[in-house]
């Protein structure tokens, strides 16, 4: 079934620009939330996100795009679970966006369960688009920030969990030879701290797909590679877990320089 692009949910929601005033009052923890959501909504990122969302379900009054912004607001606020969105019940901005009543955790849970594999794959690609958009904006506003060529670092991380009903968790060994109960992730960040790609990995398969993630991140630089065939387009670094032939070949194919840490002993199969 082709993915449905719900454009109406994007058009029906408008985040007003924040008003900046000088004040001696203490700033609340969510003081900059409106500004961040406005930046996201007023750029092309909002439209691109709307294309990745599933078809509207039972909660048409809220709209998928609005619920996605609520989830973004929750992540920006440091929430650990969807139940934490109840903290928004007294937030004037979010109450205004949802006609005076912020959606319940149950509503948001039902919304998340409508995501199929196609939507998740689209969101993974959107993460790369968002990374380059934020990087370009930051470099334009603060040209002294970052490097001329993006420096991408790929890394795996173990996430210890206590909830035993979570899917994909299990016992796994960390890089420090410690066993923890949880799951892992594989991500690619640039030197400015923006995430360009990532995937959650169950404990049973902690290695992930580093080559596919690298292809996803470096593919948008193909035009730059064609224009300047003898110049590098990016730099990639990683630890010894990525000292594998396919990963090195991917760096070379995309015309990226790379630095990969080597273990004390390298077997012939690794070289």
Protein backbone atom coordinates (compact mmCIF):
# COMPACT_ATOMS: atom_id res chain seq x y z
CA UNK A 1 0.00 0.00 0.00
CA UNK A 2 1.52 3.37 -0.95
CA UNK A 3 2.28 5.76 1.84
CA UNK A 4 -0.36 8.41 2.37
CA UNK A 5 0.92 11.98 2.56
CA UNK A 6 -1.41 13.84 4.87
CA UNK A 7 -0.88 17.44 3.74
CA UNK A 8 -4.03 18.77 5.39
CA UNK A 9 -2.67 18.16 8.89
CA UNK A 10 0.32 20.39 8.07
CA UNK A 11 -1.83 23.19 6.68
CA UNK A 12 -4.32 23.14 9.54
CA UNK A 13 -1.71 23.88 12.19
CA UNK A 14 0.13 27.14 12.68
CA UNK A 15 2.71 27.90 15.36
CA UNK A 16 2.91 31.66 16.03
CA UNK A 17 6.30 33.32 16.14
CA UNK A 18 7.45 33.95 19.73
CA UNK A 19 7.59 37.47 21.13
CA UNK A 20 10.89 38.39 22.73
CA UNK A 21 10.75 40.64 25.76
CA UNK A 22 13.36 41.64 28.34
CA UNK A 23 12.44 40.37 31.80
CA UNK A 24 14.04 39.90 35.20
CA UNK A 25 11.82 36.95 36.00
CA UNK A 26 13.23 33.43 36.24
CA UNK A 27 13.02 31.44 33.01
CA UNK A 28 10.97 28.26 33.14
CA UNK A 29 12.40 25.01 31.80
CA UNK A 30 10.20 25.12 28.68
CA UNK A 31 10.74 28.81 27.96
CA UNK A 32 12.30 28.22 24.52
CA UNK A 33 9.92 25.49 23.38
CA UNK A 34 7.74 27.80 21.27
CA UNK A 35 10.77 29.27 19.50
CA UNK A 36 12.14 25.82 18.63
CA UNK A 37 8.81 24.52 17.36
CA UNK A 38 8.30 27.70 15.33
CA UNK A 39 11.71 27.32 13.65
CA UNK A 40 10.89 23.71 12.77
CA UNK A 41 7.38 24.51 11.51
CA UNK A 42 8.37 27.58 9.48
CA UNK A 43 11.09 25.82 7.47
CA UNK A 44 10.84 23.06 4.88
CA UNK A 45 11.33 20.52 7.67
CA UNK A 46 7.67 20.69 8.65
CA UNK A 47 6.50 19.80 5.15
CA UNK A 48 9.06 17.02 4.82
CA UNK A 49 7.99 15.53 8.16
CA UNK A 50 4.33 15.59 7.12
CA UNK A 51 5.20 13.37 4.13
CA UNK A 52 6.52 10.65 6.46
CA UNK A 53 3.41 10.29 8.62
CA UNK A 54 0.79 7.54 8.47
CA UNK A 55 -2.78 8.11 7.36
CA UNK A 56 -5.09 9.79 9.83
CA UNK A 57 -6.76 7.44 12.28
CA UNK A 58 -9.45 7.93 14.88
CA UNK A 59 -8.00 11.16 16.27
CA UNK A 60 -8.67 13.39 13.25
CA UNK A 61 -9.40 16.39 15.42
CA UNK A 62 -5.75 16.60 16.44
CA UNK A 63 -4.09 15.78 13.12
CA UNK A 64 -1.01 13.65 12.63
CA UNK A 65 1.29 16.62 12.14
CA UNK A 66 0.14 18.20 15.38
CA UNK A 67 0.70 14.96 17.27
CA UNK A 68 4.18 14.72 15.76
CA UNK A 69 5.01 18.22 16.98
CA UNK A 70 3.73 17.21 20.41
CA UNK A 71 6.14 14.27 20.36
CA UNK A 72 8.99 16.58 19.30
CA UNK A 73 8.10 18.94 22.14
CA UNK A 74 8.15 15.97 24.52
CA UNK A 75 11.61 14.91 23.36
CA UNK A 76 12.93 18.47 23.63
CA UNK A 77 11.58 18.61 27.17
CA UNK A 78 13.54 15.49 28.16
CA UNK A 79 10.56 13.22 28.72
CA UNK A 80 11.28 9.55 29.33
CA UNK A 81 7.91 8.14 28.25
CA UNK A 82 4.68 9.23 26.57
CA UNK A 83 3.01 9.45 30.00
CA UNK A 84 5.20 12.48 30.68
CA UNK A 85 3.22 14.60 28.19
CA UNK A 86 0.75 15.14 31.01
CA UNK A 87 3.23 17.80 32.16
CA UNK A 88 2.01 19.87 29.21
CA UNK A 89 -1.51 20.18 30.64
CA UNK A 90 -0.69 23.68 31.91
CA UNK A 91 1.36 24.79 28.88
CA UNK A 92 -0.40 27.73 27.22
CA UNK A 93 1.21 27.23 23.79
CA UNK A 94 0.37 23.55 23.46
CA UNK A 95 -3.12 24.03 24.85
CA UNK A 96 -3.71 26.71 22.19
CA UNK A 97 -2.45 24.41 19.43
CA UNK A 98 -4.86 21.67 20.49
CA UNK A 99 -7.92 23.86 21.14
CA UNK A 100 -7.48 24.01 24.88
CA UNK A 101 -6.86 20.32 25.57
CA UNK A 102 -3.52 18.58 25.13
CA UNK A 103 -3.89 15.00 23.79
CA UNK A 104 -3.63 12.22 26.36
CA UNK A 105 -0.82 9.64 26.50
CA UNK A 106 -3.34 7.06 25.24
CA UNK A 107 -4.04 9.18 22.15
CA UNK A 108 -0.34 9.57 21.44
CA UNK A 109 0.21 5.83 22.00
CA UNK A 110 -2.53 4.96 19.50
CA UNK A 111 -0.93 7.35 17.04
CA UNK A 112 2.53 5.77 17.38
CA UNK A 113 1.09 2.29 16.86
CA UNK A 114 -0.14 3.34 13.41
CA UNK A 115 3.43 3.67 12.15
CA UNK A 116 4.38 0.90 9.74
CA UNK A 117 7.82 -0.05 8.45
CA UNK A 118 7.44 2.29 5.47
CA UNK A 119 6.85 5.28 7.73
CA UNK A 120 9.80 4.40 9.96
CA UNK A 121 12.09 4.10 6.92
CA UNK A 122 10.87 7.48 5.67
CA UNK A 123 11.58 9.05 9.06
CA UNK A 124 15.11 7.59 9.04
CA UNK A 125 15.79 9.34 5.73
CA UNK A 126 14.16 12.50 7.05
CA UNK A 127 16.71 12.50 9.87
CA UNK A 128 19.48 12.96 7.28
CA UNK A 129 17.56 15.78 5.57
CA UNK A 130 17.04 17.48 8.93
CA UNK A 131 20.74 17.11 9.79
CA UNK A 132 21.91 18.85 6.61
CA UNK A 133 19.23 21.56 6.96
CA UNK A 134 20.22 22.39 10.54
CA UNK A 135 23.91 22.25 9.68
CA UNK A 136 23.48 24.67 6.76
CA UNK A 137 21.42 27.05 8.91
CA UNK A 138 23.98 26.97 11.73
CA UNK A 139 26.90 27.53 9.38
CA UNK A 140 25.08 30.48 7.82
CA UNK A 141 24.24 32.14 11.12
CA UNK A 142 27.50 31.19 12.85
CA UNK A 143 30.15 30.74 10.11
CA UNK A 144 32.86 30.21 12.72
CA UNK A 145 31.10 27.08 13.96
CA UNK A 146 32.00 23.69 12.57
CA UNK A 147 34.42 22.70 9.84
CA UNK A 148 34.38 23.39 6.10
CA UNK A 149 33.93 19.67 5.44
CA UNK A 150 31.51 17.81 7.69
CA UNK A 151 33.14 15.42 10.14
CA UNK A 152 30.86 12.46 10.76
CA UNK A 153 31.42 10.15 13.69
CA UNK A 154 29.71 6.78 13.84
CA UNK A 155 29.30 5.08 17.19
CA UNK A 156 27.31 2.38 18.92
CA UNK A 157 25.87 2.88 22.40
CA UNK A 158 24.41 0.46 24.93
CA UNK A 159 21.27 1.69 26.72
CA UNK A 160 20.57 0.01 30.04
CA UNK A 161 16.86 -0.43 30.77
CA UNK A 162 14.77 -1.51 33.74
CA UNK A 163 11.44 -2.11 31.97
CA UNK A 164 11.23 -5.83 31.20
CA UNK A 165 8.13 -5.46 29.01
CA UNK A 166 10.01 -3.41 26.43
CA UNK A 167 10.58 -5.05 23.05
CA UNK A 168 14.11 -5.91 21.96
CA UNK A 169 15.79 -5.71 25.36
CA UNK A 170 18.13 -8.41 26.66
CA UNK A 171 21.53 -9.00 28.20
CA UNK A 172 24.38 -7.52 26.22
CA UNK A 173 28.08 -6.73 26.68
CA UNK A 174 29.20 -3.11 26.52
CA UNK A 175 32.52 -1.79 25.20
CA UNK A 176 33.78 -1.81 28.79
CA UNK A 177 33.21 -5.55 29.13
CA UNK A 178 30.18 -5.00 31.34
CA UNK A 179 26.90 -6.86 30.93
CA UNK A 180 23.76 -4.71 31.02
CA UNK A 181 20.08 -5.42 30.40
CA UNK A 182 18.77 -3.22 27.59
CA UNK A 183 19.21 -2.49 23.90
CA UNK A 184 21.70 -0.58 21.77
CA UNK A 185 21.74 2.09 19.12
CA UNK A 186 23.96 3.02 16.19
CA UNK A 187 24.15 6.72 15.28
CA UNK A 188 26.07 9.14 13.08
CA UNK A 189 26.64 12.70 14.35
CA UNK A 190 28.57 15.58 12.83
CA UNK A 191 31.03 17.79 14.71
CA UNK A 192 28.26 20.32 15.47
CA UNK A 193 26.28 17.71 17.38
CA UNK A 194 23.51 17.11 14.82
CA UNK A 195 22.34 13.53 14.27
CA UNK A 196 22.23 12.49 10.61
CA UNK A 197 21.24 8.83 10.91
CA UNK A 198 20.53 6.18 13.49
CA UNK A 199 18.84 2.91 14.30
CA UNK A 200 17.71 1.12 17.45
CA UNK A 201 19.07 -2.40 17.75
CA UNK A 202 17.74 -5.28 19.82
CA UNK A 203 20.18 -6.96 22.18
CA UNK A 204 20.24 -10.07 20.00
CA UNK A 205 21.61 -8.11 17.00
CA UNK A 206 23.72 -5.24 18.36
CA UNK A 207 25.95 -4.66 15.31
CA UNK A 208 23.40 -2.94 13.07
CA UNK A 209 23.96 -1.74 9.51
CA UNK A 210 26.85 0.77 9.56
CA UNK A 211 27.46 0.67 5.80
CA UNK A 212 23.81 1.42 4.99
CA UNK A 213 23.76 4.31 7.48
CA UNK A 214 26.97 5.73 6.01
CA UNK A 215 25.57 5.50 2.47
CA UNK A 216 22.46 7.34 3.63
CA UNK A 217 24.48 10.18 5.18
CA UNK A 218 27.04 10.63 2.39
CA UNK A 219 24.73 10.18 -0.62
CA UNK A 220 23.48 13.84 -0.52
CA UNK A 221 27.09 14.94 -1.13
CA UNK A 222 27.18 13.14 -4.49
CA UNK A 223 26.77 16.41 -6.41
CA UNK A 224 29.77 17.88 -4.63
CA UNK A 225 31.75 14.75 -5.45
CA UNK A 226 30.92 15.02 -9.16
CA UNK A 227 31.75 18.74 -9.26
CA UNK A 228 35.15 18.25 -7.61
CA UNK A 229 36.22 14.66 -8.37
CA UNK A 230 39.65 15.05 -6.77
CA UNK A 231 38.57 16.66 -3.49
CA UNK A 232 37.24 14.97 -0.38
CA UNK A 233 33.61 15.75 0.52
CA UNK A 234 33.64 14.70 4.19
CA UNK A 235 35.61 13.00 6.93
CA UNK A 236 34.42 9.89 8.78
CA UNK A 237 35.72 8.48 12.05
CA UNK A 238 34.86 5.48 14.17
CA UNK A 239 36.28 2.97 16.62
CA UNK A 240 37.67 -0.48 15.85
CA UNK A 241 34.18 -1.98 15.49
CA UNK A 242 34.05 -0.37 12.04
CA UNK A 243 37.40 -1.69 10.84
CA UNK A 244 35.70 -3.84 8.22
CA UNK A 245 36.28 -3.94 4.48
CA UNK A 246 32.77 -2.90 3.41
CA UNK A 247 32.85 0.17 5.65
CA UNK A 248 36.24 1.31 4.33
CA UNK A 249 35.11 0.75 0.74
CA UNK A 250 31.97 2.81 1.40
CA UNK A 251 34.09 5.73 2.61
CA UNK A 252 36.26 5.51 -0.50
CA UNK A 253 33.27 5.19 -2.83
CA UNK A 254 31.76 8.40 -1.45
CA UNK A 255 35.13 10.18 -1.64
CA UNK A 256 35.39 10.69 2.12
CA UNK A 257 38.58 10.54 4.14
CA UNK A 258 38.37 8.36 7.24
CA UNK A 259 40.02 7.58 10.55
CA UNK A 260 39.26 4.22 12.13
CA UNK A 261 40.82 3.09 15.38
CA UNK A 262 42.61 -0.25 15.26
CA UNK A 263 42.80 -2.85 18.03
CA UNK A 264 46.19 -3.93 19.38
CA UNK A 265 46.07 -7.05 17.26
CA UNK A 266 44.64 -6.99 13.72
CA UNK A 267 43.92 -10.31 12.07
CA UNK A 268 44.44 -10.92 8.37
CA UNK A 269 40.66 -11.00 7.82
CA UNK A 270 40.42 -7.42 9.14
CA UNK A 271 43.13 -6.03 6.88
